[in-house]
Amino acid sequence: MNNFLTALVQKLVTFLNENHNFFELKESEKSKKLESLSVPVQFKQYLEKADANSFMLDLKVVVQFIQDSKNAVLKENSFFKALLKFITEDLARKIDHLDGNFYLLPKQERVEIVDKLINADSQLAETLKEILTNFTYQQIANEIQELGKRIANTPYILVQSPREIDNELKKDIRMALSKENPLSFPTFQINRKLIGGIRVFQDGKVKDHSWISRVLRFTSLTAN
């Protein structure tokens, strides 16, 4: 994540150096200026709301995090909330496209799949490709969940199913769970001992999510 943050900060600082009066503009004027900035929309939205003082304070926290991630204070930090929003919305959808077999493939095959998934050549995109290629699903999920807990006190959500869930269903489940717990990152896990259906845990406790039946795209979710 540090490489992504470093590349992102470089882009933001370069943009602000080229637009010296950015923070003096109205939000609508900021929005127009930001059209030329190639970063995820969550960070454009962050810059639209930020002023010069808050940005500098947030930038200081980002630098602290890159240097010493464990001791940086992230709670309710606006920049890191934008980061978490990007991760739980955009990056989560990319991760969901990678099935369980992906992480067992040789590295070169993983690289080729991720290159197609993230079809961009910027330094920012390359750092995301490195994350998806070089780390396991569990490693990525653990880091995201730890960030969520530190930034917004999000719960740990685990979604178990007896077999792999398709991408569209994962998307629907994420959307439904995020309405209850904004900025959370549900982790998907296969449990072949389940008789059928989907089981949801929140901070270790089984939750009643009978509404999931309304988004199921098949009538029997059973192990093969």
C-alpha atoms as a PDB file:
ATOM      1  CA  MET A   1       0.000   0.000   0.000  1.00  0.00           C
ATOM      2  CA  ASN A   2       2.940   2.346   0.631  1.00  0.00           C
ATOM      3  CA  ASN A   3       3.937   2.361  -3.043  1.00  0.00           C
ATOM      4  CA  PHE A   4       0.367   3.235  -4.022  1.00  0.00           C
ATOM      5  CA  LEU A   5       0.229   6.073  -1.490  1.00  0.00           C
ATOM      6  CA  THR A   6       3.612   7.413  -2.608  1.00  0.00           C
ATOM      7  CA  ALA A   7       2.569   7.429  -6.274  1.00  0.00           C
ATOM      8  CA  LEU A   8      -0.783   8.997  -5.375  1.00  0.00           C
ATOM      9  CA  VAL A   9       0.741  11.781  -3.271  1.00  0.00           C
ATOM     10  CA  GLN A  10       3.212  12.567  -6.052  1.00  0.00           C
ATOM     11  CA  LYS A  11       0.318  12.994  -8.476  1.00  0.00           C
ATOM     12  CA  LEU A  12      -1.669  15.176  -6.097  1.00  0.00           C
ATOM     13  CA  VAL A  13       1.280  17.400  -5.198  1.00  0.00           C
ATOM     14  CA  THR A  14       2.259  17.815  -8.863  1.00  0.00           C
ATOM     15  CA  PHE A  15      -1.317  18.779  -9.699  1.00  0.00           C
ATOM     16  CA  LEU A  16      -1.474  21.321  -6.863  1.00  0.00           C
ATOM     17  CA  ASN A  17       1.883  22.819  -7.844  1.00  0.00           C
ATOM     18  CA  GLU A  18       0.488  23.352 -11.338  1.00  0.00           C
ATOM     19  CA  ASN A  19      -2.704  24.878  -9.915  1.00  0.00           C
ATOM     20  CA  HIS A  20      -1.461  27.219  -7.187  1.00  0.00           C
ATOM     21  CA  ASN A  21      -4.841  28.779  -6.439  1.00  0.00           C
ATOM     22  CA  PHE A  22      -6.763  25.491  -6.355  1.00  0.00           C
ATOM     23  CA  PHE A  23      -7.876  25.726  -2.723  1.00  0.00           C
ATOM     24  CA  GLU A  24      -9.144  29.265  -3.275  1.00  0.00           C
ATOM     25  CA  LEU A  25     -11.637  28.080  -5.897  1.00  0.00           C
ATOM     26  CA  LYS A  26     -15.295  27.238  -5.405  1.00  0.00           C
ATOM     27  CA  GLU A  27     -16.201  23.538  -5.400  1.00  0.00           C
ATOM     28  CA  SER A  28     -17.651  23.750  -8.908  1.00  0.00           C
ATOM     29  CA  GLU A  29     -14.430  25.364 -10.142  1.00  0.00           C
ATOM     30  CA  LYS A  30     -12.352  22.752  -8.343  1.00  0.00           C
ATOM     31  CA  SER A  31     -14.389  20.026 -10.017  1.00  0.00           C
ATOM     32  CA  LYS A  32     -13.614  21.505 -13.433  1.00  0.00           C
ATOM     33  CA  LYS A  33      -9.891  21.685 -12.686  1.00  0.00           C
ATOM     34  CA  LEU A  34      -9.871  18.098 -11.411  1.00  0.00           C
ATOM     35  CA  GLU A  35     -11.039  16.771 -14.774  1.00  0.00           C
ATOM     36  CA  SER A  36      -7.399  16.799 -15.881  1.00  0.00           C
ATOM     37  CA  LEU A  37      -6.190  14.816 -12.860  1.00  0.00           C
ATOM     38  CA  SER A  38      -5.902  11.078 -13.455  1.00  0.00           C
ATOM     39  CA  VAL A  39      -6.607   9.609 -10.015  1.00  0.00           C
ATOM     40  CA  PRO A  40      -9.541   7.592  -8.622  1.00  0.00           C
ATOM     41  CA  VAL A  41     -12.711   9.647  -8.246  1.00  0.00           C
ATOM     42  CA  GLN A  42     -12.712   9.250  -4.452  1.00  0.00           C
ATOM     43  CA  PHE A  43      -9.568  11.404  -4.224  1.00  0.00           C
ATOM     44  CA  LYS A  44     -11.018  14.033  -6.538  1.00  0.00           C
ATOM     45  CA  GLN A  45     -14.024  14.215  -4.233  1.00  0.00           C
ATOM     46  CA  TYR A  46     -11.648  14.534  -1.295  1.00  0.00           C
ATOM     47  CA  LEU A  47      -9.804  17.461  -2.919  1.00  0.00           C
ATOM     48  CA  GLU A  48     -13.086  19.209  -3.750  1.00  0.00           C
ATOM     49  CA  LYS A  49     -13.934  19.331  -0.031  1.00  0.00           C
ATOM     50  CA  ALA A  50     -10.440  19.995   1.338  1.00  0.00           C
ATOM     51  CA  ASP A  51      -8.833  23.339   2.102  1.00  0.00           C
ATOM     52  CA  ALA A  52      -5.111  24.088   2.118  1.00  0.00           C
ATOM     53  CA  ASN A  53      -4.673  23.633   5.877  1.00  0.00           C
ATOM     54  CA  SER A  54      -6.562  20.339   6.108  1.00  0.00           C
ATOM     55  CA  PHE A  55      -4.705  18.975   3.080  1.00  0.00           C
ATOM     56  CA  MET A  56      -1.316  19.768   4.618  1.00  0.00           C
ATOM     57  CA  LEU A  57      -2.343  18.119   7.891  1.00  0.00           C
ATOM     58  CA  ASP A  58      -3.589  15.048   6.031  1.00  0.00           C
ATOM     59  CA  LEU A  59      -0.420  14.946   3.941  1.00  0.00           C
ATOM     60  CA  LYS A  60       1.626  14.902   7.145  1.00  0.00           C
ATOM     61  CA  VAL A  61      -0.343  11.851   8.339  1.00  0.00           C
ATOM     62  CA  VAL A  62       0.200  10.099   4.988  1.00  0.00           C
ATOM     63  CA  VAL A  63       3.962  10.643   5.273  1.00  0.00           C
ATOM     64  CA  GLN A  64       3.884   9.344   8.861  1.00  0.00           C
ATOM     65  CA  PHE A  65       1.973   6.267   7.698  1.00  0.00           C
ATOM     66  CA  ILE A  66       4.470   5.547   4.916  1.00  0.00           C
ATOM     67  CA  GLN A  67       7.373   5.883   7.360  1.00  0.00           C
ATOM     68  CA  ASP A  68       5.783   4.095  10.329  1.00  0.00           C
ATOM     69  CA  SER A  69       2.383   2.644   9.464  1.00  0.00           C
ATOM     70  CA  LYS A  70       1.679   1.154  12.892  1.00  0.00           C
ATOM     71  CA  ASN A  71       1.960   4.420  14.830  1.00  0.00           C
ATOM     72  CA  ALA A  72       0.224   6.844  12.460  1.00  0.00           C
ATOM     73  CA  VAL A  73      -3.128   8.112  13.797  1.00  0.00           C
ATOM     74  CA  LEU A  74      -5.709   7.427  11.079  1.00  0.00           C
ATOM     75  CA  LYS A  75      -9.027   7.690  12.931  1.00  0.00           C
ATOM     76  CA  GLU A  76     -11.571   9.735  10.931  1.00  0.00           C
ATOM     77  CA  ASN A  77      -8.789  11.164   8.745  1.00  0.00           C
ATOM     78  CA  SER A  78     -10.449  12.521   5.576  1.00  0.00           C
ATOM     79  CA  PHE A  79      -7.683  11.426   3.212  1.00  0.00           C
ATOM     80  CA  PHE A  80      -7.607   7.899   4.586  1.00  0.00           C
ATOM     81  CA  LYS A  81     -11.398   7.714   4.491  1.00  0.00           C
ATOM     82  CA  ALA A  82     -11.137   8.522   0.776  1.00  0.00           C
ATOM     83  CA  LEU A  83      -8.525   5.759   0.481  1.00  0.00           C
ATOM     84  CA  LEU A  84     -10.797   3.305   2.279  1.00  0.00           C
ATOM     85  CA  LYS A  85     -13.716   4.283   0.056  1.00  0.00           C
ATOM     86  CA  PHE A  86     -11.592   3.651  -3.038  1.00  0.00           C
ATOM     87  CA  ILE A  87     -10.480   0.273  -1.704  1.00  0.00           C
ATOM     88  CA  THR A  88     -13.938  -0.929  -0.658  1.00  0.00           C
ATOM     89  CA  GLU A  89     -15.582   0.251  -3.871  1.00  0.00           C
ATOM     90  CA  ASP A  90     -13.233   0.187  -6.871  1.00  0.00           C
ATOM     91  CA  LEU A  91     -10.419  -2.105  -5.744  1.00  0.00           C
ATOM     92  CA  ALA A  92     -12.830  -4.563  -4.122  1.00  0.00           C
ATOM     93  CA  ARG A  93     -14.539  -5.096  -7.479  1.00  0.00           C
ATOM     94  CA  LYS A  94     -11.173  -5.870  -9.075  1.00  0.00           C
ATOM     95  CA  ILE A  95     -10.341  -8.334  -6.305  1.00  0.00           C
ATOM     96  CA  ASP A  96     -13.706 -10.062  -6.703  1.00  0.00           C
ATOM     97  CA  HIS A  97     -12.867 -10.832 -10.335  1.00  0.00           C
ATOM     98  CA  LEU A  98      -9.987 -13.025  -9.161  1.00  0.00           C
ATOM     99  CA  ASP A  99     -11.293 -16.439  -8.157  1.00  0.00           C
ATOM    100  CA  GLY A 100      -9.629 -18.701  -5.620  1.00  0.00           C
ATOM    101  CA  ASN A 101      -7.559 -20.485  -8.279  1.00  0.00           C
ATOM    102  CA  PHE A 102      -5.878 -17.224  -9.301  1.00  0.00           C
ATOM    103  CA  TYR A 103      -3.626 -17.242  -6.246  1.00  0.00           C
ATOM    104  CA  LEU A 104      -2.371 -20.740  -7.100  1.00  0.00           C
ATOM    105  CA  LEU A 105      -1.234 -19.779 -10.597  1.00  0.00           C
ATOM    106  CA  PRO A 106       2.416 -19.141 -11.552  1.00  0.00           C
ATOM    107  CA  LYS A 107       3.369 -15.489 -11.157  1.00  0.00           C
ATOM    108  CA  GLN A 108       3.606 -14.792 -14.889  1.00  0.00           C
ATOM    109  CA  GLU A 109       0.043 -15.984 -15.399  1.00  0.00           C
ATOM    110  CA  ARG A 110      -1.125 -13.821 -12.492  1.00  0.00           C
ATOM    111  CA  VAL A 111       0.639 -10.832 -14.046  1.00  0.00           C
ATOM    112  CA  GLU A 112      -1.106 -11.389 -17.386  1.00  0.00           C
ATOM    113  CA  ILE A 113      -4.540 -11.675 -15.761  1.00  0.00           C
ATOM    114  CA  VAL A 114      -4.042  -8.540 -13.652  1.00  0.00           C
ATOM    115  CA  ASP A 115      -2.747  -6.594 -16.676  1.00  0.00           C
ATOM    116  CA  LYS A 116      -6.060  -7.276 -18.410  1.00  0.00           C
ATOM    117  CA  LEU A 117      -8.034  -6.474 -15.269  1.00  0.00           C
ATOM    118  CA  ILE A 118      -6.284  -3.122 -14.738  1.00  0.00           C
ATOM    119  CA  ASN A 119      -5.794  -1.849 -18.264  1.00  0.00           C
ATOM    120  CA  ALA A 120      -3.580   1.150 -17.524  1.00  0.00           C
ATOM    121  CA  ASP A 121       0.147   1.885 -17.520  1.00  0.00           C
ATOM    122  CA  SER A 122       0.462   4.731 -15.010  1.00  0.00           C
ATOM    123  CA  GLN A 123       2.665   4.414 -11.937  1.00  0.00           C
ATOM    124  CA  LEU A 124      -0.487   4.452  -9.828  1.00  0.00           C
ATOM    125  CA  ALA A 125      -1.946   1.527 -11.768  1.00  0.00           C
ATOM    126  CA  GLU A 126       1.333  -0.383 -11.573  1.00  0.00           C
ATOM    127  CA  THR A 127       1.322  -0.206  -7.773  1.00  0.00           C
ATOM    128  CA  LEU A 128      -2.183  -1.716  -7.698  1.00  0.00           C
ATOM    129  CA  LYS A 129      -1.089  -4.472 -10.076  1.00  0.00           C
ATOM    130  CA  GLU A 130       1.815  -5.266  -7.752  1.00  0.00           C
ATOM    131  CA  ILE A 131      -0.547  -5.624  -4.799  1.00  0.00           C
ATOM    132  CA  LEU A 132      -2.894  -8.005  -6.619  1.00  0.00           C
ATOM    133  CA  THR A 133      -0.027 -10.019  -8.119  1.00  0.00           C
ATOM    134  CA  ASN A 134       2.323 -10.359  -5.157  1.00  0.00           C
ATOM    135  CA  PHE A 135      -0.012 -10.886  -2.201  1.00  0.00           C
ATOM    136  CA  THR A 136      -2.581 -13.546  -1.361  1.00  0.00           C
ATOM    137  CA  TYR A 137      -6.272 -12.804  -1.011  1.00  0.00           C
ATOM    138  CA  GLN A 138      -6.061 -13.237   2.757  1.00  0.00           C
ATOM    139  CA  GLN A 139      -3.062 -10.911   3.079  1.00  0.00           C
ATOM    140  CA  ILE A 140      -4.847  -8.205   1.091  1.00  0.00           C
ATOM    141  CA  ALA A 141      -8.105  -8.674   3.006  1.00  0.00           C
ATOM    142  CA  ASN A 142      -6.340  -8.575   6.383  1.00  0.00           C
ATOM    143  CA  GLU A 143      -4.599  -5.288   5.565  1.00  0.00           C
ATOM    144  CA  ILE A 144      -7.812  -3.691   4.297  1.00  0.00           C
ATOM    145  CA  GLN A 145      -9.750  -4.805   7.372  1.00  0.00           C
ATOM    146  CA  GLU A 146      -7.047  -3.478   9.689  1.00  0.00           C
ATOM    147  CA  LEU A 147      -7.139  -0.133   7.867  1.00  0.00           C
ATOM    148  CA  GLY A 148     -10.927  -0.061   8.129  1.00  0.00           C
ATOM    149  CA  LYS A 149     -10.795  -0.681  11.866  1.00  0.00           C
ATOM    150  CA  ARG A 150      -8.208   2.065  12.397  1.00  0.00           C
ATOM    151  CA  ILE A 151      -9.829   4.649  10.121  1.00  0.00           C
ATOM    152  CA  ALA A 152     -13.562   4.173  10.678  1.00  0.00           C
ATOM    153  CA  ASN A 153     -13.910   1.364  13.242  1.00  0.00           C
ATOM    154  CA  THR A 154     -15.495  -0.890  10.623  1.00  0.00           C
ATOM    155  CA  PRO A 155     -16.504  -4.421  11.670  1.00  0.00           C
ATOM    156  CA  TYR A 156     -14.849  -7.596  10.430  1.00  0.00           C
ATOM    157  CA  ILE A 157     -17.335  -9.185   8.030  1.00  0.00           C
ATOM    158  CA  LEU A 158     -16.922 -12.733   6.722  1.00  0.00           C
ATOM    159  CA  VAL A 159     -19.206 -14.190   4.055  1.00  0.00           C
ATOM    160  CA  GLN A 160     -19.080 -17.988   3.811  1.00  0.00           C
ATOM    161  CA  SER A 161     -20.482 -20.096   0.992  1.00  0.00           C
ATOM    162  CA  PRO A 162     -20.110 -23.789   0.087  1.00  0.00           C
ATOM    163  CA  ARG A 163     -18.545 -22.910  -3.276  1.00  0.00           C
ATOM    164  CA  GLU A 164     -17.182 -19.970  -5.253  1.00  0.00           C
ATOM    165  CA  ILE A 165     -19.634 -17.079  -5.615  1.00  0.00           C
ATOM    166  CA  ASP A 166     -19.813 -15.381  -8.999  1.00  0.00           C
ATOM    167  CA  ASN A 167     -18.586 -11.798  -9.385  1.00  0.00           C
ATOM    168  CA  GLU A 168     -21.999 -10.212  -9.825  1.00  0.00           C
ATOM    169  CA  LEU A 169     -23.370 -11.854  -6.696  1.00  0.00           C
ATOM    170  CA  LYS A 170     -20.322 -10.709  -4.723  1.00  0.00           C
ATOM    171  CA  LYS A 171     -20.984  -7.186  -5.970  1.00  0.00           C
ATOM    172  CA  ASP A 172     -24.629  -7.361  -4.848  1.00  0.00           C
ATOM    173  CA  ILE A 173     -23.674  -8.715  -1.425  1.00  0.00           C
ATOM    174  CA  ARG A 174     -21.021  -6.023  -0.958  1.00  0.00           C
ATOM    175  CA  MET A 175     -23.497  -3.290  -1.873  1.00  0.00           C
ATOM    176  CA  ALA A 176     -26.101  -4.604   0.559  1.00  0.00           C
ATOM    177  CA  LEU A 177     -23.622  -5.029   3.421  1.00  0.00           C
ATOM    178  CA  SER A 178     -22.044  -1.618   2.798  1.00  0.00           C
ATOM    179  CA  LYS A 179     -25.423   0.039   3.367  1.00  0.00           C
ATOM    180  CA  GLU A 180     -25.379  -1.389   6.883  1.00  0.00           C
ATOM    181  CA  ASN A 181     -21.647  -0.868   7.429  1.00  0.00           C
ATOM    182  CA  PRO A 182     -20.168   1.856   5.191  1.00  0.00           C
ATOM    183  CA  LEU A 183     -16.489   1.457   4.275  1.00  0.00           C
ATOM    184  CA  SER A 184     -16.447  -2.189   5.390  1.00  0.00           C
ATOM    185  CA  PHE A 185     -14.693  -4.870   3.335  1.00  0.00           C
ATOM    186  CA  PRO A 186     -16.552  -8.199   3.483  1.00  0.00           C
ATOM    187  CA  THR A 187     -14.217 -11.151   2.974  1.00  0.00           C
ATOM    188  CA  PHE A 188     -15.487 -14.129   0.982  1.00  0.00           C
ATOM    189  CA  GLN A 189     -14.566 -17.627   2.106  1.00  0.00           C
ATOM    190  CA  ILE A 190     -15.500 -21.091   0.868  1.00  0.00           C
ATOM    191  CA  ASN A 191     -16.746 -23.497   3.552  1.00  0.00           C
ATOM    192  CA  ARG A 192     -17.658 -26.794   1.904  1.00  0.00           C
ATOM    193  CA  LYS A 193     -19.254 -28.050   5.127  1.00  0.00           C
ATOM    194  CA  LEU A 194     -22.177 -25.674   4.659  1.00  0.00           C
ATOM    195  CA  ILE A 195     -25.322 -27.453   3.501  1.00  0.00           C
ATOM    196  CA  GLY A 196     -26.373 -24.570   1.290  1.00  0.00           C
ATOM    197  CA  GLY A 197     -26.925 -20.849   1.135  1.00  0.00           C
ATOM    198  CA  ILE A 198     -24.673 -18.149   2.521  1.00  0.00           C
ATOM    199  CA  ARG A 199     -23.629 -17.444   6.097  1.00  0.00           C
ATOM    200  CA  VAL A 200     -22.522 -13.978   7.241  1.00  0.00           C
ATOM    201  CA  PHE A 201     -20.391 -13.315  10.325  1.00  0.00           C
ATOM    202  CA  GLN A 202     -19.830  -9.862  11.795  1.00  0.00           C
ATOM    203  CA  ASP A 203     -17.025  -9.601  14.337  1.00  0.00           C
ATOM    204  CA  GLY A 204     -17.258 -13.355  14.857  1.00  0.00           C
ATOM    205  CA  LYS A 205     -21.036 -13.536  15.376  1.00  0.00           C
ATOM    206  CA  VAL A 206     -23.505 -15.007  12.897  1.00  0.00           C
ATOM    207  CA  LYS A 207     -25.813 -12.296  11.574  1.00  0.00           C
ATOM    208  CA  ASP A 208     -29.360 -12.696  10.311  1.00  0.00           C
ATOM    209  CA  HIS A 209     -29.109 -11.775   6.654  1.00  0.00           C
ATOM    210  CA  SER A 210     -32.173 -13.491   5.257  1.00  0.00           C
ATOM    211  CA  TRP A 211     -32.364 -10.673   2.687  1.00  0.00           C
ATOM    212  CA  ILE A 212     -29.488 -12.354   0.847  1.00  0.00           C
ATOM    213  CA  SER A 213     -32.005 -14.765  -0.648  1.00  0.00           C
ATOM    214  CA  ARG A 214     -33.351 -11.833  -2.654  1.00  0.00           C
ATOM    215  CA  VAL A 215     -30.035 -11.304  -4.420  1.00  0.00           C
ATOM    216  CA  LEU A 216     -29.118 -14.943  -4.990  1.00  0.00           C
ATOM    217  CA  ARG A 217     -28.832 -15.631  -8.683  1.00  0.00           C
ATOM    218  CA  PHE A 218     -29.338 -19.348  -8.368  1.00  0.00           C
ATOM    219  CA  THR A 219     -31.738 -21.415  -6.294  1.00  0.00           C
ATOM    220  CA  SER A 220     -29.304 -23.799  -4.627  1.00  0.00           C
ATOM    221  CA  LEU A 221     -25.850 -22.684  -3.501  1.00  0.00           C
ATOM    222  CA  THR A 222     -24.325 -26.053  -2.704  1.00  0.00           C
ATOM    223  CA  ALA A 223     -20.842 -27.453  -2.959  1.00  0.00           C
ATOM    224  CA  ASN A 224     -19.889 -29.343  -6.074  1.00  0.00           C
END
